[in-house]
Amino acid sequence: MAKQTFTTGQVLTAAQMTSLQQTAMGGGSATAKTASYTLVAADAGATVIMNSASATTITVNTSLFSAGDTVFIQNIGAGVSTITAGTATVNTASSLALAQYESGTLYFTAAGASIFSKADGAGAAAGGMTLLQSLTLSGSSTTSTTLSGSYKMLRCIYYEVLGTDAYNAMTIGLRVNSDSSNIYATVGVDTYGTAGFFTAYNTAQIELNTIAYASNTKESSGIIEIPNYANGSSDAKTVTFAFAKQDDRIGNGSGRITLTNAITTLTFRHIQSGGSFTAGTVDIYGVN
């Protein structure tokens, strides 16, 4: 039941009593949202349910709630829903991103300050994988939406990737958090008849499938893993990868990202001059 002001002698209706009982038992009226949503005063004491296949945000503004008010938030959609501070302050000891079937409670300590307590979600069991997003590659680059920080590792599986450019070659680049500074390094081995090492230090992306030919008839596929991606205090993130091409080229390698923030987005880039993806899919999984 949304927060109300009662008066002396007021007689509650059966519907109001039922709603009060539901709220007291930890529920509250359910308001289904299928797009990004900004909380309103009537959400105090209620449940806000997010149900969207795409990423959404829940914005928290000041002067709507009083100290002691709570809002319960449940995400049942496939898209990640992220609690976002608008004009209010939102503090948390965990992640503000809710993956599918995750939930949490906003508790207001003042009109403009709140604490978000994330509940134990229905995430993947130990060793299990949960599909977070599926991207269709197009143009010069494709970026994921905000990724849940609830997992131990990201695993990206890409397949049927095609691209064109002036040299009939394709190098796939990986950036995190849209950071284009020279924080990346890559080393690996690539074979096309004979083996050859490739290195790229202090570059603007991790470089995958380096100098791998990829015309519209030569598909590329591979796997990328990033452990400890949600750690916001480590001095570097590691990346391992392997790839194969229809022209018998195979390879594998590893990379380093000098980043102390948690990884929240991934950008897949066609980094050859004038290059563009014409097809391809990247499935991004969270792994526990």
C-alpha atoms as a PDB file:
ATOM      1  CA  MET A   1       0.000   0.000   0.000  1.00  0.00           C
ATOM      2  CA  ALA A   2       1.375   3.391  -0.948  1.00  0.00           C
ATOM      3  CA  LYS A   3       2.040   5.678   2.010  1.00  0.00           C
ATOM      4  CA  GLN A   4      -1.093   7.469   3.178  1.00  0.00           C
ATOM      5  CA  THR A   5      -2.161   9.876   5.926  1.00  0.00           C
ATOM      6  CA  PHE A   6      -5.012   8.597   8.073  1.00  0.00           C
ATOM      7  CA  THR A   7      -7.345  10.687  10.221  1.00  0.00           C
ATOM      8  CA  THR A   8      -8.923  10.012  13.622  1.00  0.00           C
ATOM      9  CA  GLY A   9     -12.127   8.012  13.262  1.00  0.00           C
ATOM     10  CA  GLN A  10     -11.492   7.062   9.663  1.00  0.00           C
ATOM     11  CA  VAL A  11     -12.979   3.721   8.661  1.00  0.00           C
ATOM     12  CA  LEU A  12     -10.741   1.663   6.384  1.00  0.00           C
ATOM     13  CA  THR A  13     -12.221  -0.206   3.476  1.00  0.00           C
ATOM     14  CA  ALA A  14     -11.650  -3.915   2.923  1.00  0.00           C
ATOM     15  CA  ALA A  15      -9.354  -3.084  -0.019  1.00  0.00           C
ATOM     16  CA  GLN A  16      -7.277  -0.751   2.168  1.00  0.00           C
ATOM     17  CA  MET A  17      -6.976  -3.397   4.883  1.00  0.00           C
ATOM     18  CA  THR A  18      -5.923  -6.009   2.337  1.00  0.00           C
ATOM     19  CA  SER A  19      -3.305  -3.641   0.928  1.00  0.00           C
ATOM     20  CA  LEU A  20      -2.032  -2.777   4.419  1.00  0.00           C
ATOM     21  CA  GLN A  21      -1.732  -6.482   5.211  1.00  0.00           C
ATOM     22  CA  GLN A  22       0.195  -7.094   2.000  1.00  0.00           C
ATOM     23  CA  THR A  23       2.583  -4.233   2.797  1.00  0.00           C
ATOM     24  CA  ALA A  24       3.098  -5.450   6.369  1.00  0.00           C
ATOM     25  CA  MET A  25       4.000  -8.889   5.037  1.00  0.00           C
ATOM     26  CA  GLY A  26       6.766  -7.367   2.909  1.00  0.00           C
ATOM     27  CA  GLY A  27       4.939  -6.921  -0.356  1.00  0.00           C
ATOM     28  CA  GLY A  28       3.041  -3.826  -1.279  1.00  0.00           C
ATOM     29  CA  SER A  29       1.096  -2.812  -4.330  1.00  0.00           C
ATOM     30  CA  ALA A  30       2.834  -3.900  -7.508  1.00  0.00           C
ATOM     31  CA  THR A  31       3.351  -1.341 -10.243  1.00  0.00           C
ATOM     32  CA  ALA A  32       4.631  -2.905 -13.479  1.00  0.00           C
ATOM     33  CA  LYS A  33       6.995  -0.759 -15.543  1.00  0.00           C
ATOM     34  CA  THR A  34       8.181  -1.661 -19.048  1.00  0.00           C
ATOM     35  CA  ALA A  35      10.542   1.290 -19.555  1.00  0.00           C
ATOM     36  CA  SER A  36      12.887   3.449 -17.500  1.00  0.00           C
ATOM     37  CA  TYR A  37      11.061   4.986 -14.564  1.00  0.00           C
ATOM     38  CA  THR A  38      11.418   7.903 -12.151  1.00  0.00           C
ATOM     39  CA  LEU A  39      10.103   7.209  -8.657  1.00  0.00           C
ATOM     40  CA  VAL A  40       7.159   9.279  -7.415  1.00  0.00           C
ATOM     41  CA  ALA A  41       5.939   9.977  -3.879  1.00  0.00           C
ATOM     42  CA  ALA A  42       3.172   7.371  -4.212  1.00  0.00           C
ATOM     43  CA  ASP A  43       5.840   4.638  -4.508  1.00  0.00           C
ATOM     44  CA  ALA A  44       6.627   4.933  -0.776  1.00  0.00           C
ATOM     45  CA  GLY A  45       5.699   1.632   0.836  1.00  0.00           C
ATOM     46  CA  ALA A  46       4.971   0.049  -2.543  1.00  0.00           C
ATOM     47  CA  THR A  47       6.650  -2.412  -4.880  1.00  0.00           C
ATOM     48  CA  VAL A  48       7.956  -1.273  -8.253  1.00  0.00           C
ATOM     49  CA  ILE A  49       8.312  -4.135 -10.726  1.00  0.00           C
ATOM     50  CA  MET A  50      10.497  -3.651 -13.802  1.00  0.00           C
ATOM     51  CA  ASN A  51       9.720  -5.828 -16.792  1.00  0.00           C
ATOM     52  CA  SER A  52      11.712  -4.917 -19.895  1.00  0.00           C
ATOM     53  CA  ALA A  53      13.819  -6.889 -22.345  1.00  0.00           C
ATOM     54  CA  SER A  54      16.128  -3.873 -22.655  1.00  0.00           C
ATOM     55  CA  ALA A  55      18.210  -2.126 -20.009  1.00  0.00           C
ATOM     56  CA  THR A  56      16.315   0.362 -17.848  1.00  0.00           C
ATOM     57  CA  THR A  57      17.039   2.862 -15.096  1.00  0.00           C
ATOM     58  CA  ILE A  58      15.107   3.752 -11.941  1.00  0.00           C
ATOM     59  CA  THR A  59      15.799   7.386 -11.061  1.00  0.00           C
ATOM     60  CA  VAL A  60      15.651   8.588  -7.450  1.00  0.00           C
ATOM     61  CA  ASN A  61      14.975  12.287  -6.839  1.00  0.00           C
ATOM     62  CA  THR A  62      14.856  14.333  -3.650  1.00  0.00           C
ATOM     63  CA  SER A  63      11.910  15.895  -1.761  1.00  0.00           C
ATOM     64  CA  LEU A  64       9.559  13.004  -2.575  1.00  0.00           C
ATOM     65  CA  PHE A  65      10.128  10.730   0.406  1.00  0.00           C
ATOM     66  CA  SER A  66      10.592  11.124   4.158  1.00  0.00           C
ATOM     67  CA  ALA A  67      13.037   9.489   6.529  1.00  0.00           C
ATOM     68  CA  GLY A  68      11.896   5.919   7.157  1.00  0.00           C
ATOM     69  CA  ASP A  69      10.138   5.467   3.800  1.00  0.00           C
ATOM     70  CA  THR A  70      10.969   2.369   1.778  1.00  0.00           C
ATOM     71  CA  VAL A  71      10.476   1.316  -1.844  1.00  0.00           C
ATOM     72  CA  PHE A  72      10.876  -2.334  -2.835  1.00  0.00           C
ATOM     73  CA  ILE A  73      12.154  -2.896  -6.382  1.00  0.00           C
ATOM     74  CA  GLN A  74      11.956  -6.184  -8.300  1.00  0.00           C
ATOM     75  CA  ASN A  75      13.298  -6.817 -11.817  1.00  0.00           C
ATOM     76  CA  ILE A  76      11.572  -9.628 -13.698  1.00  0.00           C
ATOM     77  CA  GLY A  77      12.666  -8.566 -17.191  1.00  0.00           C
ATOM     78  CA  ALA A  78      15.683  -9.789 -19.156  1.00  0.00           C
ATOM     79  CA  GLY A  79      17.164  -6.283 -19.306  1.00  0.00           C
ATOM     80  CA  VAL A  80      19.347  -5.080 -16.439  1.00  0.00           C
ATOM     81  CA  SER A  81      17.624  -2.410 -14.331  1.00  0.00           C
ATOM     82  CA  THR A  82      19.939   0.072 -12.582  1.00  0.00           C
ATOM     83  CA  ILE A  83      19.076   2.275  -9.610  1.00  0.00           C
ATOM     84  CA  THR A  84      20.269   5.765 -10.539  1.00  0.00           C
ATOM     85  CA  ALA A  85      20.694   8.827  -8.320  1.00  0.00           C
ATOM     86  CA  GLY A  86      18.881  11.756  -9.855  1.00  0.00           C
ATOM     87  CA  THR A  87      18.800  14.710  -7.447  1.00  0.00           C
ATOM     88  CA  ALA A  88      18.857  12.388  -4.427  1.00  0.00           C
ATOM     89  CA  THR A  89      21.793  10.459  -3.004  1.00  0.00           C
ATOM     90  CA  VAL A  90      21.797   6.663  -3.277  1.00  0.00           C
ATOM     91  CA  ASN A  91      24.368   4.751  -1.229  1.00  0.00           C
ATOM     92  CA  THR A  92      24.933   0.997  -1.334  1.00  0.00           C
ATOM     93  CA  ALA A  93      27.389  -1.627  -0.159  1.00  0.00           C
ATOM     94  CA  SER A  94      26.751  -3.707  -3.271  1.00  0.00           C
ATOM     95  CA  SER A  95      25.718  -3.172  -6.890  1.00  0.00           C
ATOM     96  CA  LEU A  96      22.947  -0.816  -7.996  1.00  0.00           C
ATOM     97  CA  ALA A  97      22.293  -3.018 -11.054  1.00  0.00           C
ATOM     98  CA  LEU A  98      19.530  -5.601 -10.871  1.00  0.00           C
ATOM     99  CA  ALA A  99      19.737  -8.525 -13.262  1.00  0.00           C
ATOM    100  CA  GLN A 100      16.642 -10.547 -14.085  1.00  0.00           C
ATOM    101  CA  TYR A 101      14.896 -11.849 -10.931  1.00  0.00           C
ATOM    102  CA  GLU A 102      17.069  -9.722  -8.631  1.00  0.00           C
ATOM    103  CA  SER A 103      15.539  -7.265  -6.185  1.00  0.00           C
ATOM    104  CA  GLY A 104      16.355  -4.744  -3.472  1.00  0.00           C
ATOM    105  CA  THR A 105      14.988  -2.121  -1.106  1.00  0.00           C
ATOM    106  CA  LEU A 106      15.510   1.628  -1.045  1.00  0.00           C
ATOM    107  CA  TYR A 107      15.475   2.958   2.518  1.00  0.00           C
ATOM    108  CA  PHE A 108      15.350   6.732   2.911  1.00  0.00           C
ATOM    109  CA  THR A 109      17.341   8.267   5.753  1.00  0.00           C
ATOM    110  CA  ALA A 110      16.202  11.757   4.722  1.00  0.00           C
ATOM    111  CA  ALA A 111      14.219  13.419   1.961  1.00  0.00           C
ATOM    112  CA  GLY A 112      17.267  13.505  -0.285  1.00  0.00           C
ATOM    113  CA  ALA A 113      19.297  10.515   0.903  1.00  0.00           C
ATOM    114  CA  SER A 114      18.706   6.783   0.615  1.00  0.00           C
ATOM    115  CA  ILE A 115      20.423   3.429   1.041  1.00  0.00           C
ATOM    116  CA  PHE A 116      19.894   0.612  -1.441  1.00  0.00           C
ATOM    117  CA  SER A 117      20.106  -2.886   0.038  1.00  0.00           C
ATOM    118  CA  LYS A 118      20.343  -5.538  -2.640  1.00  0.00           C
ATOM    119  CA  ALA A 119      18.720  -8.882  -1.855  1.00  0.00           C
ATOM    120  CA  ASP A 120      20.293 -12.208  -2.704  1.00  0.00           C
ATOM    121  CA  GLY A 121      19.099 -12.747  -6.250  1.00  0.00           C
ATOM    122  CA  ALA A 122      18.399 -15.815  -8.310  1.00  0.00           C
ATOM    123  CA  GLY A 123      21.714 -15.579 -10.074  1.00  0.00           C
ATOM    124  CA  ALA A 124      23.608 -18.470 -11.562  1.00  0.00           C
ATOM    125  CA  ALA A 125      24.728 -21.201  -9.211  1.00  0.00           C
ATOM    126  CA  ALA A 126      28.433 -21.782  -8.702  1.00  0.00           C
ATOM    127  CA  GLY A 127      29.966 -22.454 -12.096  1.00  0.00           C
ATOM    128  CA  GLY A 128      26.709 -21.644 -13.913  1.00  0.00           C
ATOM    129  CA  MET A 129      26.227 -19.063 -16.661  1.00  0.00           C
ATOM    130  CA  THR A 130      23.464 -16.510 -17.073  1.00  0.00           C
ATOM    131  CA  LEU A 131      22.908 -14.755 -20.405  1.00  0.00           C
ATOM    132  CA  LEU A 132      23.090 -11.030 -19.679  1.00  0.00           C
ATOM    133  CA  GLN A 133      22.897  -9.574 -23.175  1.00  0.00           C
ATOM    134  CA  SER A 134      22.991 -10.588 -26.824  1.00  0.00           C
ATOM    135  CA  LEU A 135      24.459  -7.992 -29.188  1.00  0.00           C
ATOM    136  CA  THR A 136      24.126  -7.785 -32.959  1.00  0.00           C
ATOM    137  CA  LEU A 137      27.315  -6.293 -34.398  1.00  0.00           C
ATOM    138  CA  SER A 138      26.892  -3.482 -36.910  1.00  0.00           C
ATOM    139  CA  GLY A 139      28.680  -0.370 -38.082  1.00  0.00           C
ATOM    140  CA  SER A 140      32.143   0.472 -36.794  1.00  0.00           C
ATOM    141  CA  SER A 141      31.313  -0.504 -33.187  1.00  0.00           C
ATOM    142  CA  THR A 142      28.606  -1.956 -30.943  1.00  0.00           C
ATOM    143  CA  THR A 143      28.380  -1.326 -27.185  1.00  0.00           C
ATOM    144  CA  SER A 144      26.579  -3.288 -24.497  1.00  0.00           C
ATOM    145  CA  THR A 145      24.243  -1.627 -22.044  1.00  0.00           C
ATOM    146  CA  THR A 146      25.075  -1.522 -18.325  1.00  0.00           C
ATOM    147  CA  LEU A 147      26.197  -4.979 -17.162  1.00  0.00           C
ATOM    148  CA  SER A 148      25.251  -6.480 -13.820  1.00  0.00           C
ATOM    149  CA  GLY A 149      28.139  -6.605 -11.344  1.00  0.00           C
ATOM    150  CA  SER A 150      26.738  -9.691  -9.604  1.00  0.00           C
ATOM    151  CA  TYR A 151      28.986 -12.303 -11.197  1.00  0.00           C
ATOM    152  CA  LYS A 152      32.585 -13.449 -10.846  1.00  0.00           C
ATOM    153  CA  MET A 153      33.468 -13.427 -14.538  1.00  0.00           C
ATOM    154  CA  LEU A 154      32.213 -12.237 -17.922  1.00  0.00           C
ATOM    155  CA  ARG A 155      32.288 -14.705 -20.809  1.00  0.00           C
ATOM    156  CA  CYS A 156      31.655 -13.375 -24.309  1.00  0.00           C
ATOM    157  CA  ILE A 157      30.990 -15.778 -27.172  1.00  0.00           C
ATOM    158  CA  TYR A 158      30.980 -14.215 -30.636  1.00  0.00           C
ATOM    159  CA  TYR A 159      30.120 -15.977 -33.861  1.00  0.00           C
ATOM    160  CA  GLU A 160      29.321 -15.486 -37.551  1.00  0.00           C
ATOM    161  CA  VAL A 161      31.167 -12.167 -37.516  1.00  0.00           C
ATOM    162  CA  LEU A 162      31.742 -10.556 -40.918  1.00  0.00           C
ATOM    163  CA  GLY A 163      33.191  -7.216 -41.866  1.00  0.00           C
ATOM    164  CA  THR A 164      34.470  -5.140 -44.733  1.00  0.00           C
ATOM    165  CA  ASP A 165      37.095  -2.435 -45.109  1.00  0.00           C
ATOM    166  CA  ALA A 166      39.614  -1.078 -47.582  1.00  0.00           C
ATOM    167  CA  TYR A 167      42.053  -3.963 -47.003  1.00  0.00           C
ATOM    168  CA  ASN A 168      39.610  -6.908 -46.902  1.00  0.00           C
ATOM    169  CA  ALA A 169      40.890  -7.630 -43.402  1.00  0.00           C
ATOM    170  CA  MET A 170      39.311  -7.403 -39.968  1.00  0.00           C
ATOM    171  CA  THR A 171      40.759  -6.819 -36.520  1.00  0.00           C
ATOM    172  CA  ILE A 172      38.219  -6.934 -33.691  1.00  0.00           C
ATOM    173  CA  GLY A 173      38.918  -4.524 -30.847  1.00  0.00           C
ATOM    174  CA  LEU A 174      37.496  -4.654 -27.321  1.00  0.00           C
ATOM    175  CA  ARG A 175      37.065  -1.571 -25.129  1.00  0.00           C
ATOM    176  CA  VAL A 176      35.612  -1.358 -21.632  1.00  0.00           C
ATOM    177  CA  ASN A 177      33.566   1.502 -20.157  1.00  0.00           C
ATOM    178  CA  SER A 178      34.029   3.403 -23.473  1.00  0.00           C
ATOM    179  CA  ASP A 179      37.611   4.152 -22.380  1.00  0.00           C
ATOM    180  CA  SER A 180      39.759   4.934 -25.445  1.00  0.00           C
ATOM    181  CA  SER A 181      42.951   5.843 -23.557  1.00  0.00           C
ATOM    182  CA  ASN A 182      46.093   3.723 -23.841  1.00  0.00           C
ATOM    183  CA  ILE A 183      45.286   1.328 -20.987  1.00  0.00           C
ATOM    184  CA  TYR A 184      45.255  -1.898 -23.033  1.00  0.00           C
ATOM    185  CA  ALA A 185      47.875  -4.469 -23.973  1.00  0.00           C
ATOM    186  CA  THR A 186      47.547  -7.685 -25.989  1.00  0.00           C
ATOM    187  CA  VAL A 187      49.835 -10.635 -26.716  1.00  0.00           C
ATOM    188  CA  GLY A 188      49.007 -13.836 -28.552  1.00  0.00           C
ATOM    189  CA  VAL A 189      49.719 -16.280 -31.346  1.00  0.00           C
ATOM    190  CA  ASP A 190      48.024 -16.363 -34.732  1.00  0.00           C
ATOM    191  CA  THR A 191      48.475 -19.064 -37.351  1.00  0.00           C
ATOM    192  CA  TYR A 192      47.631 -19.149 -41.040  1.00  0.00           C
ATOM    193  CA  GLY A 193      49.832 -21.925 -42.367  1.00  0.00           C
ATOM    194  CA  THR A 194      52.674 -20.807 -40.065  1.00  0.00           C
ATOM    195  CA  ALA A 195      52.515 -19.509 -36.514  1.00  0.00           C
ATOM    196  CA  GLY A 196      53.304 -15.927 -35.629  1.00  0.00           C
ATOM    197  CA  PHE A 197      53.243 -13.901 -32.439  1.00  0.00           C
ATOM    198  CA  PHE A 198      51.520 -10.569 -32.197  1.00  0.00           C
ATOM    199  CA  THR A 199      51.794  -7.889 -29.526  1.00  0.00           C
ATOM    200  CA  ALA A 200      50.117  -4.550 -28.983  1.00  0.00           C
ATOM    201  CA  TYR A 201      51.071  -2.435 -25.949  1.00  0.00           C
ATOM    202  CA  ASN A 202      49.578   0.835 -24.680  1.00  0.00           C
ATOM    203  CA  THR A 203      46.823   0.792 -27.278  1.00  0.00           C
ATOM    204  CA  ALA A 204      43.243   2.053 -27.308  1.00  0.00           C
ATOM    205  CA  GLN A 205      41.680  -1.430 -27.145  1.00  0.00           C
ATOM    206  CA  ILE A 206      42.387  -5.128 -26.672  1.00  0.00           C
ATOM    207  CA  GLU A 207      43.110  -6.420 -30.207  1.00  0.00           C
ATOM    208  CA  LEU A 208      41.553  -9.760 -31.185  1.00  0.00           C
ATOM    209  CA  ASN A 209      41.912 -11.596 -34.517  1.00  0.00           C
ATOM    210  CA  THR A 210      44.874  -9.405 -35.386  1.00  0.00           C
ATOM    211  CA  ILE A 211      45.547  -9.306 -39.146  1.00  0.00           C
ATOM    212  CA  ALA A 212      42.915 -11.982 -39.716  1.00  0.00           C
ATOM    213  CA  TYR A 213      41.376 -11.869 -43.160  1.00  0.00           C
ATOM    214  CA  ALA A 214      37.615 -11.502 -43.030  1.00  0.00           C
ATOM    215  CA  SER A 215      35.777 -10.782 -46.242  1.00  0.00           C
ATOM    216  CA  ASN A 216      32.047 -11.242 -46.496  1.00  0.00           C
ATOM    217  CA  THR A 217      32.567 -14.988 -47.017  1.00  0.00           C
ATOM    218  CA  LYS A 218      35.025 -15.611 -44.146  1.00  0.00           C
ATOM    219  CA  GLU A 219      33.273 -15.756 -40.799  1.00  0.00           C
ATOM    220  CA  SER A 220      35.006 -15.288 -37.463  1.00  0.00           C
ATOM    221  CA  SER A 221      34.111 -16.760 -34.072  1.00  0.00           C
ATOM    222  CA  GLY A 222      35.714 -16.832 -30.657  1.00  0.00           C
ATOM    223  CA  ILE A 223      35.452 -16.611 -26.899  1.00  0.00           C
ATOM    224  CA  ILE A 224      36.590 -13.897 -24.464  1.00  0.00           C
ATOM    225  CA  GLU A 225      36.777 -14.202 -20.670  1.00  0.00           C
ATOM    226  CA  ILE A 226      37.275 -11.403 -18.134  1.00  0.00           C
ATOM    227  CA  PRO A 227      37.573 -12.600 -14.498  1.00  0.00           C
ATOM    228  CA  ASN A 228      37.014 -10.319 -11.509  1.00  0.00           C
ATOM    229  CA  TYR A 229      35.470  -7.733 -13.841  1.00  0.00           C
ATOM    230  CA  ALA A 230      33.288  -6.144 -11.144  1.00  0.00           C
ATOM    231  CA  ASN A 231      36.221  -5.398  -8.815  1.00  0.00           C
ATOM    232  CA  GLY A 232      36.604  -1.671  -8.445  1.00  0.00           C
ATOM    233  CA  SER A 233      39.909  -1.703  -6.571  1.00  0.00           C
ATOM    234  CA  SER A 234      42.311  -4.024  -8.407  1.00  0.00           C
ATOM    235  CA  ASP A 235      45.109  -2.370 -10.387  1.00  0.00           C
ATOM    236  CA  ALA A 236      44.391  -4.246 -13.635  1.00  0.00           C
ATOM    237  CA  LYS A 237      41.889  -6.514 -15.346  1.00  0.00           C
ATOM    238  CA  THR A 238      42.999  -9.575 -17.310  1.00  0.00           C
ATOM    239  CA  VAL A 239      41.491 -10.866 -20.542  1.00  0.00           C
ATOM    240  CA  THR A 240      41.949 -14.249 -22.219  1.00  0.00           C
ATOM    241  CA  PHE A 241      40.653 -15.124 -25.665  1.00  0.00           C
ATOM    242  CA  ALA A 242      40.688 -17.661 -28.487  1.00  0.00           C
ATOM    243  CA  PHE A 243      39.397 -17.356 -32.037  1.00  0.00           C
ATOM    244  CA  ALA A 244      39.001 -19.263 -35.292  1.00  0.00           C
ATOM    245  CA  LYS A 245      38.291 -18.236 -38.868  1.00  0.00           C
ATOM    246  CA  GLN A 246      36.923 -19.991 -41.907  1.00  0.00           C
ATOM    247  CA  ASP A 247      40.212 -19.395 -43.734  1.00  0.00           C
ATOM    248  CA  ASP A 248      41.964 -21.860 -41.348  1.00  0.00           C
ATOM    249  CA  ARG A 249      43.377 -19.069 -39.205  1.00  0.00           C
ATOM    250  CA  ILE A 250      43.252 -19.805 -35.474  1.00  0.00           C
ATOM    251  CA  GLY A 251      44.757 -18.054 -32.491  1.00  0.00           C
ATOM    252  CA  ASN A 252      44.674 -17.320 -28.797  1.00  0.00           C
ATOM    253  CA  GLY A 253      46.143 -14.849 -26.393  1.00  0.00           C
ATOM    254  CA  SER A 254      45.672 -12.655 -23.359  1.00  0.00           C
ATOM    255  CA  GLY A 255      45.428  -9.008 -22.521  1.00  0.00           C
ATOM    256  CA  ARG A 256      45.727  -6.509 -19.712  1.00  0.00           C
ATOM    257  CA  ILE A 257      43.513  -3.526 -18.966  1.00  0.00           C
ATOM    258  CA  THR A 258      44.963  -0.999 -16.531  1.00  0.00           C
ATOM    259  CA  LEU A 259      41.662  -0.128 -14.937  1.00  0.00           C
ATOM    260  CA  THR A 260      40.722   0.215 -11.264  1.00  0.00           C
ATOM    261  CA  ASN A 261      36.991   0.658 -11.866  1.00  0.00           C
ATOM    262  CA  ALA A 262      34.435  -2.089 -12.261  1.00  0.00           C
ATOM    263  CA  ILE A 263      33.702  -2.987 -15.883  1.00  0.00           C
ATOM    264  CA  THR A 264      30.141  -1.971 -16.725  1.00  0.00           C
ATOM    265  CA  THR A 265      30.082  -1.887 -20.545  1.00  0.00           C
ATOM    266  CA  LEU A 266      31.885  -3.639 -23.405  1.00  0.00           C
ATOM    267  CA  THR A 267      32.436  -2.162 -26.867  1.00  0.00           C
ATOM    268  CA  PHE A 268      33.305  -4.395 -29.832  1.00  0.00           C
ATOM    269  CA  ARG A 269      35.047  -2.431 -32.576  1.00  0.00           C
ATOM    270  CA  HIS A 270      36.095  -2.990 -36.195  1.00  0.00           C
ATOM    271  CA  ILE A 271      39.447  -1.254 -36.009  1.00  0.00           C
ATOM    272  CA  GLN A 272      40.720  -1.532 -39.567  1.00  0.00           C
ATOM    273  CA  SER A 273      40.676   1.735 -41.493  1.00  0.00           C
ATOM    274  CA  GLY A 274      37.167   2.430 -42.735  1.00  0.00           C
ATOM    275  CA  GLY A 275      35.999  -0.897 -41.358  1.00  0.00           C
ATOM    276  CA  SER A 276      32.431  -1.881 -40.600  1.00  0.00           C
ATOM    277  CA  PHE A 277      30.723  -4.975 -39.210  1.00  0.00           C
ATOM    278  CA  THR A 278      28.206  -6.447 -41.641  1.00  0.00           C
ATOM    279  CA  ALA A 279      27.047  -9.350 -39.448  1.00  0.00           C
ATOM    280  CA  GLY A 280      27.780 -11.119 -36.188  1.00  0.00           C
ATOM    281  CA  THR A 281      26.458 -11.838 -32.713  1.00  0.00           C
ATOM    282  CA  VAL A 282      28.054 -11.507 -29.275  1.00  0.00           C
ATOM    283  CA  ASP A 283      26.426 -13.298 -26.347  1.00  0.00           C
ATOM    284  CA  ILE A 284      27.588 -11.904 -22.978  1.00  0.00           C
ATOM    285  CA  TYR A 285      27.273 -14.252 -19.991  1.00  0.00           C
ATOM    286  CA  GLY A 286      27.770 -13.715 -16.284  1.00  0.00           C
ATOM    287  CA  VAL A 287      29.590 -16.654 -14.649  1.00  0.00           C
ATOM    288  CA  ASN A 288      29.663 -17.600 -10.960  1.00  0.00           C
END
